[in-house]
Protein backbone atom coordinates (compact mmCIF):
# COMPACT_ATOMS: atom_id res chain seq x y z
CA MET A 1 -0.07 0.03 -0.14
CA VAL A 2 3.14 2.45 0.79
CA LYS A 3 5.51 1.05 -1.12
CA TYR A 4 3.89 1.52 -4.41
CA GLY A 5 2.33 5.09 -4.00
CA LEU A 6 -1.35 3.77 -3.26
CA ASP A 7 -3.49 6.57 -2.66
CA TYR A 8 -4.65 6.06 0.79
CA THR A 9 -7.56 7.80 0.77
CA ARG A 10 -8.63 4.96 -1.66
CA CYS A 11 -6.88 2.10 -0.06
CA ARG A 12 -8.46 2.78 3.35
CA TRP A 13 -11.44 0.49 3.16
CA ILE A 14 -9.49 -2.74 2.33
CA LEU A 15 -8.50 -3.75 5.34
CA PRO A 16 -11.69 -3.57 6.88
CA LEU A 17 -13.21 -5.08 3.95
CA LEU A 18 -11.03 -8.04 4.43
CA LEU A 19 -12.35 -8.03 8.13
CA GLY A 20 -15.67 -8.17 6.70
CA ILE A 21 -15.36 -11.15 4.41
CA GLY A 22 -13.49 -12.87 7.16
CA VAL A 23 -16.72 -12.30 9.27
CA ILE A 24 -19.31 -14.14 6.22
CA PHE A 25 -16.29 -16.72 6.38
CA GLY A 26 -16.80 -17.19 9.85
CA ILE A 27 -20.71 -17.35 9.95
CA ILE A 28 -20.83 -19.97 7.17
CA ALA A 29 -18.18 -22.01 9.40
CA LEU A 30 -21.05 -21.54 12.60
CA ALA A 31 -23.38 -22.16 10.71
CA GLY A 32 -22.33 -24.85 7.75
CA ARG A 33 -23.32 -28.76 8.47
CA GLY A 34 -19.88 -29.73 6.60
CA TRP A 35 -17.46 -30.05 9.60
CA LEU A 36 -16.98 -33.39 8.98
CA GLU A 37 -18.79 -36.18 6.30
CA SER A 38 -18.41 -39.37 5.09
CA GLN A 39 -15.98 -39.49 2.16
CA THR A 40 -16.89 -42.64 0.25
CA LEU A 41 -19.98 -44.49 -0.02
CA PRO A 42 -22.19 -45.02 1.96
CA TYR A 43 -22.36 -41.49 3.12
CA VAL A 44 -23.81 -42.71 6.30
CA HIS A 45 -22.36 -39.50 8.71
CA ARG A 46 -21.85 -35.60 8.55
CA ALA A 47 -21.27 -33.24 11.67
CA SER A 48 -21.27 -30.02 12.44
CA LEU A 49 -19.47 -27.75 15.48
CA TRP A 50 -23.20 -27.90 17.38
CA GLU A 51 -24.17 -31.64 16.26
CA SER A 52 -23.32 -34.86 14.72
CA CYS A 53 -25.49 -36.75 12.34
CA THR A 54 -25.81 -40.51 11.17
CA ARG A 55 -28.12 -42.88 9.25
CA SER A 56 -28.28 -46.45 8.55
CA GLY A 57 -27.71 -46.86 4.95
CA GLN A 58 -28.08 -45.04 2.03
CA GLY A 59 -31.61 -44.14 1.70
CA GLY A 60 -32.32 -44.11 5.55
CA GLU A 61 -33.46 -41.15 8.06
CA TRP A 62 -30.48 -39.12 9.69
CA SER A 63 -30.24 -39.13 13.17
CA CYS A 64 -28.69 -36.30 14.91
CA GLU A 65 -27.40 -36.19 18.45
CA SER A 66 -25.84 -32.64 19.72
CA LEU A 67 -22.67 -32.73 21.11
CA MET A 68 -23.40 -29.84 23.20
CA GLY A 69 -24.07 -32.70 25.69
CA TYR A 70 -20.35 -33.03 25.92
CA ALA A 71 -18.01 -31.14 27.80
CA TRP A 72 -15.21 -31.15 24.37
CA GLY A 73 -18.05 -30.27 22.56
CA ARG A 74 -19.19 -27.38 24.62
CA ALA A 75 -15.33 -25.94 24.61
CA ALA A 76 -14.85 -26.46 20.97
CA ALA A 77 -17.78 -24.59 20.13
CA ALA A 78 -17.50 -22.00 22.87
CA THR A 79 -14.08 -20.89 22.09
CA TYR A 80 -14.71 -20.77 18.57
CA LEU A 81 -17.38 -18.70 19.27
CA VAL A 82 -15.81 -16.14 21.58
CA GLY A 83 -13.36 -15.98 18.33
CA PHE A 84 -15.50 -15.04 16.16
CA ILE A 85 -17.48 -12.60 18.73
CA LEU A 86 -13.79 -10.75 18.71
CA LEU A 87 -13.06 -11.09 14.88
CA VAL A 88 -17.01 -9.15 15.20
CA ILE A 89 -15.66 -6.67 17.56
CA CYS A 90 -12.55 -5.90 15.91
CA PHE A 91 -14.84 -5.84 12.17
CA ALA A 92 -17.01 -2.91 14.05
CA LEU A 93 -14.09 -0.90 15.41
CA ALA A 94 -11.99 -0.94 12.15
CA ILE A 95 -14.94 0.80 10.56
CA ILE A 96 -15.14 2.86 13.37
CA ALA A 97 -11.09 4.19 13.11
CA PHE A 98 -11.29 4.35 9.43
CA ALA A 99 -14.27 6.20 8.86
CA ILE A 100 -12.85 9.21 10.86
CA ASP A 101 -10.58 11.49 8.94
CA THR A 102 -7.96 11.92 11.72
CA LEU A 103 -6.69 8.13 11.69
CA ARG A 104 -5.75 7.11 15.02
CA PHE A 105 -2.63 4.68 14.78
CA ASN A 106 -2.35 3.44 18.03
CA PHE A 107 -6.36 2.44 18.05
CA ILE A 108 -5.16 0.33 15.01
CA ARG A 109 -2.32 -1.39 16.66
CA GLY A 110 -4.97 -2.26 19.54
CA ILE A 111 -6.75 -3.94 16.45
CA GLY A 112 -4.40 -5.82 15.56
CA GLY A 113 -3.75 -7.27 18.88
CA LEU A 114 -7.31 -8.05 19.83
CA LEU A 115 -7.68 -9.82 16.13
CA PHE A 116 -4.42 -12.19 17.72
CA VAL A 117 -6.67 -12.90 20.75
CA ALA A 118 -9.51 -13.91 18.42
CA ALA A 119 -7.37 -16.19 16.69
CA VAL A 120 -6.00 -17.96 19.60
CA PHE A 121 -9.49 -18.86 20.89
CA SER A 122 -10.37 -19.81 17.13
CA ILE A 123 -7.61 -21.96 16.83
CA MET A 124 -8.01 -23.68 20.60
CA GLY A 125 -12.10 -24.23 19.08
CA LEU A 126 -10.61 -25.91 15.48
CA VAL A 127 -8.09 -28.03 17.31
CA ILE A 128 -10.26 -29.66 20.00
CA TYR A 129 -13.02 -30.46 17.92
CA PRO A 130 -11.19 -33.34 15.33
CA VAL A 131 -9.31 -34.68 17.87
CA LYS A 132 -11.81 -35.19 20.31
CA PHE A 133 -14.38 -35.57 17.58
CA SER A 134 -12.40 -38.41 16.30
CA THR A 135 -11.76 -40.15 19.66
CA GLU A 136 -15.06 -40.25 21.29
CA ILE A 137 -17.65 -40.47 18.59
CA GLU A 138 -18.02 -43.98 16.62
CA MET A 139 -17.63 -43.28 12.87
CA THR A 140 -17.96 -46.09 9.83
CA GLY A 141 -16.21 -45.51 6.93
CA ILE A 142 -13.54 -43.07 5.44
CA ASN A 143 -14.55 -39.37 7.27
CA MET A 144 -13.10 -36.28 6.11
CA PHE A 145 -13.43 -32.65 7.69
CA SER A 146 -14.77 -31.03 4.62
CA TRP A 147 -15.57 -27.07 3.52
CA ALA A 148 -17.06 -25.80 6.59
CA TYR A 149 -14.14 -27.34 8.31
CA GLY A 150 -11.78 -25.23 5.96
CA PHE A 151 -13.97 -22.35 6.20
CA GLY A 152 -13.19 -21.96 10.18
CA TRP A 153 -9.49 -22.39 9.15
CA THR A 154 -9.77 -19.72 6.81
CA THR A 155 -11.54 -17.28 9.59
CA ALA A 156 -8.19 -18.02 12.19
CA ILE A 157 -5.47 -17.14 8.87
CA MET A 158 -7.04 -14.50 7.64
CA GLU A 159 -7.12 -13.27 11.91
CA ILE A 160 -3.55 -14.40 11.83
CA CYS A 161 -2.71 -12.20 8.86
CA LEU A 162 -4.80 -8.92 9.16
CA GLY A 163 -3.91 -9.06 12.96
CA PHE A 164 0.09 -8.53 11.00
CA PHE A 165 -1.47 -5.77 8.94
CA PHE A 166 -2.98 -3.69 11.58
CA CYS A 167 0.29 -3.80 13.87
CA CYS A 168 2.25 -2.91 11.38
CA LEU A 169 0.33 -0.17 9.31
CA PRO A 170 1.43 2.46 12.33
CA ASN A 171 5.25 2.25 11.32
CA TYR A 172 3.93 3.86 8.44
CA GLU A 173 2.02 6.73 9.48
CA ASP A 174 3.60 9.43 7.84
CA GLN A 175 3.69 7.83 4.17
CA ILE A 176 0.11 6.76 4.25
CA LEU A 177 -0.88 10.76 5.31
CA GLY A 178 1.67 12.14 2.77
CA ASN A 179 4.06 13.60 5.18
CA VAL A 180 7.24 12.32 3.28
CA LYS A 181 8.98 13.94 0.62
CA PRO A 182 9.18 11.78 -2.15
CA THR A 183 12.90 10.44 -3.31
CA TYR A 184 13.67 9.96 -7.24
CA PHE A 185 16.63 7.95 -8.09
CA TYR A 186 16.80 10.15 -11.32
CA SER A 187 19.64 11.81 -12.06
CA SER A 188 20.24 13.25 -15.48
CA PRO A 189 23.59 13.58 -16.98
């Protein structure tokens, strides 16, 4: 953003936009039923963050069991949900920070720190879930952690990367605000 001379007024909404995309991915992960699915026929198992569903055969009815009955299920859901709530708070704070004409760079560094905390909570939930699920829930056939679980990891990776951007942005305060005189490397003969 700084090195190639992009105008601050045009690029100021890129980071809040990326946070918004992270929020959308987090919603997909929370609401998605594809945390775990059967990989091969017969497709008899699927699970979300909230429940595990199985069926007896290919055409049978799904019977679902809540994962909130397990302590690890509540822990995985709570830690991922706390990380998601912190991400939403960071999104709101970023919109406020970038909407103000006078950019508060220490405020932006705080958003970056809060994003790292959100990433820690999200990763804790994303690690607890597969470890305990595979040891405590009986699975038949070959199963895979699927698309909604992938969206959860994408959200966590975005939180880490955006945390770095928000923490490093104040280091370039003068360049962003245009307070630095440009240097030219061309010399006339």
